[in-house]
Amino acid sequence: MQRIELLKKIREQQANKNNTIFNYGIFPSYRSNKILGISRPDDNIFYSAATLYILKSLIPKLTLEEKTIIEEIEKDLSPNFKAYIDKYERNSYNFWQKKEHKHFPNGRILNKLNKFKLPDDMDTTSMIHMITGTPAEHALKTKLILPNHANKTNLTIKNGHPQLKHFKAYSTWFGKNMPIEFDVCVISNILLWVNKYSFELNQWDKASIQLLIKTISDSLYFKSPFRSAPEYPKIEIILYHLCRLASQTPYLNSVKHILIDDLQKVHSESTSDFSKLIIQSSLLKLGHKTTITSVANISIETRNYWWFTAGLLSVYSAPLIKVLAPQELFHFRYTCPAFNLALIFENRVLSKT
């Protein structure tokens, strides 16, 4: 499939005005738990924002026709963002709409229980700031509040890799009483945002960078992807986020060679073509020219590959819960056909195929 055809397919995924489940312009996504036999449409804003982020990051390499399609995608998607902003004083966004009972949308039980509402998160917030061009003075308001939700400011992390617990790094979540959670993919996106706005690095930024360097130096994601990234517990996805940060900032220069070695190891052991595609894109981002298995003609059911997960027990620290938290039974897996197409499109652009 040609690049322009892939981009048109992404465009076709946007909800139209006749869609009764998703707002106009949103990229439909779905959450599922195969063990429980649950599958629901999910109108979160994160997947749409992450899809647009990938597409806009490629603009310097695209044709005029490709750029025009992305402009059309953005025009229809952008009006939706205002439905997900929560705290205007900190310019933060939520994964789900902030209207009553919009968490776990189209659910039967969890959306009735306020206990399962999510606080705003920096993953969604950083993505939307970057793709919408939030003014620097507004992003700075968010930046100044972030240390209040870092490790050891008010709370101390109780999960994750023990060797990382001393870092005063950023947590995934806002929320006064929300437990601290380290997710290296989320931290990577926060640091992309820090770099995008040219913020002067403070002690929490530096601690977050050092946490990532320690994670890479010790290849901790091989020991436990879930402990490294509770929201993104797949090794190729963790490496993708780290490589994206390493390709755009100098923060991880000292450990790029380790990333490349780990990527090659994962590629040699992977049995999934889609995983190999993600690894190849990551290597290309780092300018690594070594020839690896071509995935240019990949054919995949794009609804099947899940990018992130909602772990119902991931923030709890009781010993038994820590054992149960990584189990698939306690996770909702999220898929988005448009996002997966965007990953394929990105690979085509980077590999010039």
Protein backbone atom coordinates (compact mmCIF):
# COMPACT_ATOMS: atom_id res chain seq x y z
CA MET A 1 0.00 0.00 0.00
CA GLN A 2 1.34 3.41 -0.98
CA ARG A 3 1.95 6.11 1.63
CA ILE A 4 -0.86 8.33 0.38
CA GLU A 5 -3.29 5.41 0.52
CA LEU A 6 -2.31 4.71 4.12
CA LEU A 7 -2.87 8.35 5.02
CA LYS A 8 -6.28 8.34 3.35
CA LYS A 9 -7.21 5.24 5.35
CA ILE A 10 -6.25 7.06 8.54
CA ARG A 11 -8.43 9.98 7.47
CA GLU A 12 -11.32 7.61 6.79
CA GLN A 13 -11.10 6.32 10.37
CA GLN A 14 -12.22 9.65 11.84
CA ALA A 15 -15.76 9.57 13.14
CA ASN A 16 -18.21 11.29 10.81
CA LYS A 17 -21.24 13.39 11.67
CA ASN A 18 -23.54 10.36 11.57
CA ASN A 19 -21.58 8.43 14.18
CA THR A 20 -23.67 7.89 17.32
CA ILE A 21 -20.82 6.64 19.54
CA PHE A 22 -17.84 8.86 18.79
CA ASN A 23 -17.77 12.64 18.46
CA TYR A 24 -17.07 14.01 15.00
CA GLY A 25 -13.35 13.94 14.26
CA ILE A 26 -12.32 11.49 17.00
CA PHE A 27 -10.33 8.41 16.04
CA PRO A 28 -12.34 5.44 17.36
CA SER A 29 -10.58 3.17 19.81
CA TYR A 30 -11.64 0.15 21.81
CA ARG A 31 -10.88 -1.39 25.17
CA SER A 32 -11.15 -5.08 25.82
CA ASN A 33 -10.48 -7.82 28.31
CA LYS A 34 -10.44 -11.15 26.53
CA ILE A 35 -10.53 -13.20 29.72
CA LEU A 36 -13.71 -11.47 30.87
CA GLY A 37 -15.12 -11.37 27.33
CA ILE A 38 -15.49 -7.57 27.41
CA SER A 39 -15.10 -5.25 24.42
CA ARG A 40 -16.30 -1.63 24.40
CA PRO A 41 -15.91 1.45 22.18
CA ASP A 42 -13.82 4.01 24.08
CA ASP A 43 -13.80 7.71 23.15
CA ASN A 44 -10.61 8.66 24.97
CA ILE A 45 -8.70 11.63 23.56
CA PHE A 46 -5.23 10.19 24.08
CA TYR A 47 -5.23 7.87 21.08
CA SER A 48 -6.40 10.67 18.79
CA ALA A 49 -3.76 13.05 20.14
CA ALA A 50 -1.00 10.44 19.86
CA THR A 51 -2.00 9.65 16.27
CA LEU A 52 -1.90 13.30 15.27
CA TYR A 53 1.43 13.75 17.07
CA ILE A 54 3.04 11.06 14.91
CA LEU A 55 1.60 12.52 11.71
CA LYS A 56 2.61 16.11 12.49
CA SER A 57 6.13 15.04 13.48
CA LEU A 58 6.62 13.71 9.94
CA ILE A 59 5.50 16.86 8.10
CA PRO A 60 9.01 18.00 7.04
CA LYS A 61 9.39 14.72 5.13
CA LEU A 62 5.97 14.72 3.41
CA THR A 63 4.53 15.75 0.07
CA LEU A 64 2.10 18.64 -0.29
CA GLU A 65 -0.82 16.20 -0.79
CA GLU A 66 0.11 14.33 2.40
CA LYS A 67 0.40 17.56 4.37
CA THR A 68 -3.04 18.63 3.16
CA ILE A 69 -4.66 15.44 4.44
CA ILE A 70 -3.04 15.90 7.85
CA GLU A 71 -4.34 19.47 7.98
CA GLU A 72 -7.85 18.12 7.31
CA ILE A 73 -7.44 15.52 10.07
CA GLU A 74 -6.33 18.19 12.53
CA LYS A 75 -9.14 20.57 11.58
CA ASP A 76 -11.81 17.98 12.41
CA LEU A 77 -10.09 16.61 15.51
CA SER A 78 -9.10 19.84 17.27
CA PRO A 79 -12.58 20.98 18.43
CA ASN A 80 -12.78 17.87 20.62
CA PHE A 81 -9.91 18.78 22.92
CA LYS A 82 -11.92 21.26 24.98
CA ALA A 83 -14.19 18.42 26.20
CA TYR A 84 -11.23 16.78 27.94
CA ILE A 85 -9.61 19.72 29.71
CA ASP A 86 -10.19 19.61 33.44
CA LYS A 87 -8.24 22.08 35.52
CA TYR A 88 -7.93 25.30 33.54
CA GLU A 89 -5.61 26.81 36.14
CA ARG A 90 -3.03 24.12 35.35
CA ASN A 91 -4.03 23.49 31.69
CA SER A 92 -4.25 19.72 32.23
CA TYR A 93 -6.22 17.17 30.27
CA ASN A 94 -7.96 13.93 31.13
CA PHE A 95 -7.93 10.65 29.25
CA TRP A 96 -11.74 10.74 29.19
CA GLN A 97 -14.30 13.53 28.91
CA LYS A 98 -14.98 15.32 32.16
CA LYS A 99 -18.76 15.07 32.01
CA GLU A 100 -20.45 12.91 34.64
CA HIS A 101 -20.15 9.16 34.01
CA LYS A 102 -17.92 9.60 30.95
CA HIS A 103 -15.16 7.47 32.47
CA PHE A 104 -15.11 3.93 31.08
CA PRO A 105 -17.51 5.10 28.35
CA ASN A 106 -20.15 2.67 27.10
CA GLY A 107 -19.54 0.52 30.16
CA ARG A 108 -22.13 -1.15 32.35
CA ILE A 109 -20.60 -1.01 35.82
CA LEU A 110 -17.30 0.88 36.12
CA ASN A 111 -18.67 4.13 34.69
CA LYS A 112 -21.23 4.18 37.49
CA LEU A 113 -18.51 4.11 40.16
CA ASN A 114 -16.63 7.33 40.92
CA LYS A 115 -13.80 5.24 42.38
CA PHE A 116 -12.73 4.42 38.82
CA LYS A 117 -12.54 8.02 37.61
CA LEU A 118 -9.03 8.93 36.55
CA PRO A 119 -7.24 12.10 37.56
CA ASP A 120 -5.68 14.14 34.77
CA ASP A 121 -2.40 12.77 33.45
CA MET A 122 0.75 14.25 31.95
CA ASP A 123 0.78 11.78 29.06
CA THR A 124 -2.43 13.18 27.58
CA THR A 125 -1.60 16.73 28.66
CA SER A 126 1.87 16.80 27.09
CA MET A 127 0.61 15.36 23.79
CA ILE A 128 -2.21 17.87 23.45
CA HIS A 129 0.01 20.80 24.39
CA MET A 130 2.53 19.83 21.71
CA ILE A 131 0.12 19.19 18.85
CA THR A 132 -2.10 22.21 19.51
CA GLY A 133 0.76 24.62 20.11
CA THR A 134 -0.42 25.59 23.59
CA PRO A 135 1.19 28.98 24.32
CA ALA A 136 4.40 28.75 26.33
CA GLU A 137 3.01 30.82 29.21
CA HIS A 138 0.11 28.36 29.59
CA ALA A 139 2.40 25.33 29.40
CA LEU A 140 4.58 26.97 32.04
CA LYS A 141 1.63 26.97 34.46
CA THR A 142 1.51 23.20 34.09
CA LYS A 143 5.27 22.93 34.47
CA LEU A 144 5.27 24.84 37.74
CA ILE A 145 2.63 22.52 39.21
CA LEU A 146 4.31 19.27 38.12
CA PRO A 147 6.79 19.03 41.04
CA ASN A 148 3.82 18.79 43.43
CA HIS A 149 3.10 15.40 41.85
CA ALA A 150 6.67 14.11 41.66
CA ASN A 151 8.14 11.35 43.77
CA LYS A 152 9.09 12.35 47.33
CA THR A 153 7.34 15.73 47.23
CA ASN A 154 4.17 14.67 49.03
CA LEU A 155 4.13 10.92 48.41
CA THR A 156 6.75 8.25 47.75
CA ILE A 157 6.50 5.52 45.14
CA LYS A 158 5.76 2.04 46.47
CA ASN A 159 5.74 0.09 43.19
CA GLY A 160 8.07 -0.32 40.26
CA HIS A 161 11.75 -1.26 40.22
CA PRO A 162 13.29 -0.91 43.70
CA GLN A 163 16.49 0.66 42.34
CA LEU A 164 14.51 3.63 40.99
CA LYS A 165 12.61 4.57 44.13
CA HIS A 166 15.04 7.29 45.23
CA PHE A 167 14.63 9.39 42.06
CA LYS A 168 12.58 12.56 42.51
CA ALA A 169 11.08 11.97 39.09
CA TYR A 170 7.68 12.75 37.62
CA SER A 171 4.64 10.57 38.18
CA THR A 172 2.05 9.76 35.53
CA TRP A 173 -0.85 11.32 37.41
CA PHE A 174 -2.08 14.56 38.83
CA GLY A 175 -4.42 14.14 41.80
CA LYS A 176 -3.77 14.99 45.43
CA ASN A 177 -3.98 11.44 46.77
CA MET A 178 -3.09 9.48 43.63
CA PRO A 179 -0.16 7.13 44.34
CA ILE A 180 3.12 7.86 42.57
CA GLU A 181 3.69 5.80 39.45
CA PHE A 182 6.81 5.68 37.30
CA ASP A 183 6.17 4.87 33.65
CA VAL A 184 9.21 5.41 31.44
CA CYS A 185 7.02 5.95 28.36
CA VAL A 186 5.04 8.68 30.10
CA ILE A 187 8.24 10.24 31.46
CA SER A 188 9.66 10.18 27.93
CA ASN A 189 6.65 12.09 26.65
CA ILE A 190 6.91 14.61 29.49
CA LEU A 191 10.56 15.22 28.60
CA LEU A 192 9.66 15.61 24.91
CA TRP A 193 7.31 18.34 26.08
CA VAL A 194 9.98 19.92 28.30
CA ASN A 195 12.32 20.01 25.31
CA LYS A 196 9.63 21.29 22.93
CA TYR A 197 9.04 24.33 25.13
CA SER A 198 12.76 24.81 25.86
CA PHE A 199 12.10 24.86 29.59
CA GLU A 200 15.21 25.21 31.71
CA LEU A 201 15.87 21.85 33.34
CA ASN A 202 15.00 21.80 37.03
CA GLN A 203 15.86 19.15 39.62
CA TRP A 204 12.77 17.07 38.77
CA ASP A 205 13.51 17.15 35.04
CA LYS A 206 17.08 16.05 35.74
CA ALA A 207 15.90 13.30 38.09
CA SER A 208 13.51 12.05 35.42
CA ILE A 209 16.32 11.97 32.86
CA GLN A 210 18.54 10.07 35.28
CA LEU A 211 15.75 7.59 35.95
CA LEU A 212 15.54 6.86 32.21
CA ILE A 213 19.32 6.55 31.93
CA LYS A 214 19.36 4.08 34.85
CA THR A 215 16.50 2.12 33.27
CA ILE A 216 18.42 1.85 29.99
CA SER A 217 21.84 1.23 31.56
CA ASP A 218 20.44 -1.73 33.49
CA SER A 219 17.99 -2.75 30.74
CA LEU A 220 15.33 -2.94 33.44
CA TYR A 221 12.53 -3.37 30.89
CA PHE A 222 13.84 -6.89 30.23
CA LYS A 223 13.41 -7.73 33.90
CA SER A 224 9.82 -6.48 33.98
CA PRO A 225 8.12 -4.42 31.25
CA PHE A 226 5.17 -3.86 33.61
CA ARG A 227 7.32 -2.36 36.35
CA SER A 228 9.04 -0.13 33.81
CA ALA A 229 5.86 1.04 32.12
CA PRO A 230 2.54 0.01 33.71
CA GLU A 231 0.60 1.79 30.93
CA TYR A 232 2.77 0.43 28.09
CA PRO A 233 4.06 -2.98 29.23
CA LYS A 234 5.57 -4.17 25.94
CA ILE A 235 9.33 -4.03 25.42
CA GLU A 236 9.17 -2.77 21.83
CA ILE A 237 6.82 0.04 22.85
CA ILE A 238 9.05 1.04 25.77
CA LEU A 239 12.06 1.14 23.46
CA TYR A 240 10.08 3.12 20.87
CA HIS A 241 9.32 5.87 23.40
CA LEU A 242 12.90 5.99 24.66
CA CYS A 243 14.25 6.15 21.10
CA ARG A 244 11.81 8.89 20.15
CA LEU A 245 13.10 10.97 23.05
CA ALA A 246 16.72 10.11 22.26
CA SER A 247 16.26 11.16 18.63
CA GLN A 248 14.88 14.61 19.50
CA THR A 249 16.87 15.59 22.59
CA PRO A 250 20.41 15.17 23.97
CA TYR A 251 19.09 13.74 27.24
CA LEU A 252 19.92 10.10 26.49
CA ASN A 253 23.09 10.50 24.40
CA SER A 254 25.18 8.54 26.89
CA VAL A 255 23.07 5.39 26.52
CA LYS A 256 22.05 5.43 22.84
CA HIS A 257 24.39 2.53 22.13
CA ILE A 258 22.60 0.42 24.74
CA LEU A 259 19.24 1.23 23.17
CA ILE A 260 20.54 0.09 19.78
CA ASP A 261 21.89 -3.16 21.21
CA ASP A 262 18.63 -3.85 23.03
CA LEU A 263 16.58 -3.08 19.93
CA GLN A 264 18.60 -5.54 17.88
CA LYS A 265 18.17 -8.20 20.56
CA VAL A 266 14.39 -7.70 20.66
CA HIS A 267 14.22 -7.75 16.86
CA SER A 268 16.10 -11.04 16.63
CA GLU A 269 13.77 -12.67 19.17
CA SER A 270 10.46 -11.19 18.02
CA THR A 271 7.90 -13.35 16.20
CA SER A 272 5.53 -10.45 15.50
CA ASP A 273 5.82 -8.49 12.27
CA PHE A 274 4.17 -5.48 13.89
CA SER A 275 6.66 -5.54 16.75
CA LYS A 276 9.49 -5.68 14.22
CA LEU A 277 8.02 -2.68 12.43
CA ILE A 278 8.09 -0.68 15.66
CA ILE A 279 11.68 -1.76 16.34
CA GLN A 280 12.76 -0.84 12.82
CA SER A 281 11.21 2.62 13.17
CA SER A 282 13.02 3.07 16.47
CA LEU A 283 16.37 2.17 14.92
CA LEU A 284 15.74 4.52 12.02
CA LYS A 285 14.98 7.35 14.44
CA LEU A 286 18.44 6.85 15.93
CA GLY A 287 20.03 6.93 12.48
CA HIS A 288 21.04 3.29 12.70
CA LYS A 289 21.68 2.04 9.18
CA THR A 290 22.22 -1.67 9.81
CA THR A 291 19.99 -3.70 7.49
CA ILE A 292 17.30 -5.66 9.29
CA THR A 293 14.39 -7.73 8.07
CA SER A 294 12.19 -5.64 5.80
CA VAL A 295 8.66 -5.05 7.00
CA ALA A 296 7.74 -2.62 4.25
CA ASN A 297 4.98 -4.89 2.93
CA ILE A 298 3.49 -5.68 6.31
CA SER A 299 -0.11 -6.80 6.28
CA ILE A 300 -1.87 -6.85 9.63
CA GLU A 301 -5.29 -6.63 11.16
CA THR A 302 -4.72 -3.21 12.66
CA ARG A 303 -7.42 -3.64 15.30
CA ASN A 304 -5.49 -6.42 17.01
CA TYR A 305 -2.32 -4.68 18.17
CA TRP A 306 -2.80 -2.92 21.50
CA TRP A 307 -0.55 0.01 22.34
CA PHE A 308 -1.40 0.68 25.97
CA THR A 309 -3.30 -0.83 28.84
CA ALA A 310 -5.34 0.26 31.84
CA GLY A 311 -4.25 -1.78 34.83
CA LEU A 312 -6.95 -1.73 37.48
CA LEU A 313 -4.45 -2.64 40.22
CA SER A 314 -1.26 -0.98 38.99
CA VAL A 315 -1.09 1.83 41.58
CA TYR A 316 -1.76 -0.36 44.62
CA SER A 317 1.12 -1.67 46.73
CA ALA A 318 -0.19 -4.50 48.95
CA PRO A 319 2.04 -7.59 48.41
CA LEU A 320 -0.72 -9.78 46.97
CA ILE A 321 -1.95 -7.01 44.68
CA LYS A 322 1.58 -6.48 43.36
CA VAL A 323 1.58 -10.11 42.29
CA LEU A 324 -1.84 -9.85 40.65
CA ALA A 325 -1.41 -6.41 39.03
CA PRO A 326 0.55 -7.55 35.92
CA GLN A 327 -1.95 -10.32 35.13
CA GLU A 328 -4.05 -9.90 32.00
CA LEU A 329 -7.24 -10.54 33.97
CA PHE A 330 -6.86 -7.11 35.59
CA HIS A 331 -6.12 -5.14 32.42
CA PHE A 332 -8.12 -3.44 29.72
CA ARG A 333 -6.14 -3.47 26.47
CA TYR A 334 -6.65 -0.50 24.15
CA THR A 335 -6.53 -0.66 20.37
CA CYS A 336 -6.98 2.02 17.72
CA PRO A 337 -6.88 1.16 14.01
CA ALA A 338 -5.97 4.72 13.01
CA PHE A 339 -3.03 4.81 15.41
CA ASN A 340 -1.68 1.50 14.12
CA LEU A 341 -1.98 2.79 10.56
CA ALA A 342 -0.06 5.88 11.65
CA LEU A 343 2.74 3.64 12.96
CA ILE A 344 2.88 1.89 9.59
CA PHE A 345 2.82 5.25 7.77
CA GLU A 346 5.65 6.50 9.99
CA ASN A 347 7.72 3.44 9.16
CA ARG A 348 7.20 4.02 5.43
CA VAL A 349 8.30 7.61 5.71
CA LEU A 350 11.36 6.85 7.84
CA SER A 351 12.44 3.93 5.66
CA LYS A 352 11.65 5.88 2.44
CA THR A 353 9.57 3.05 1.01
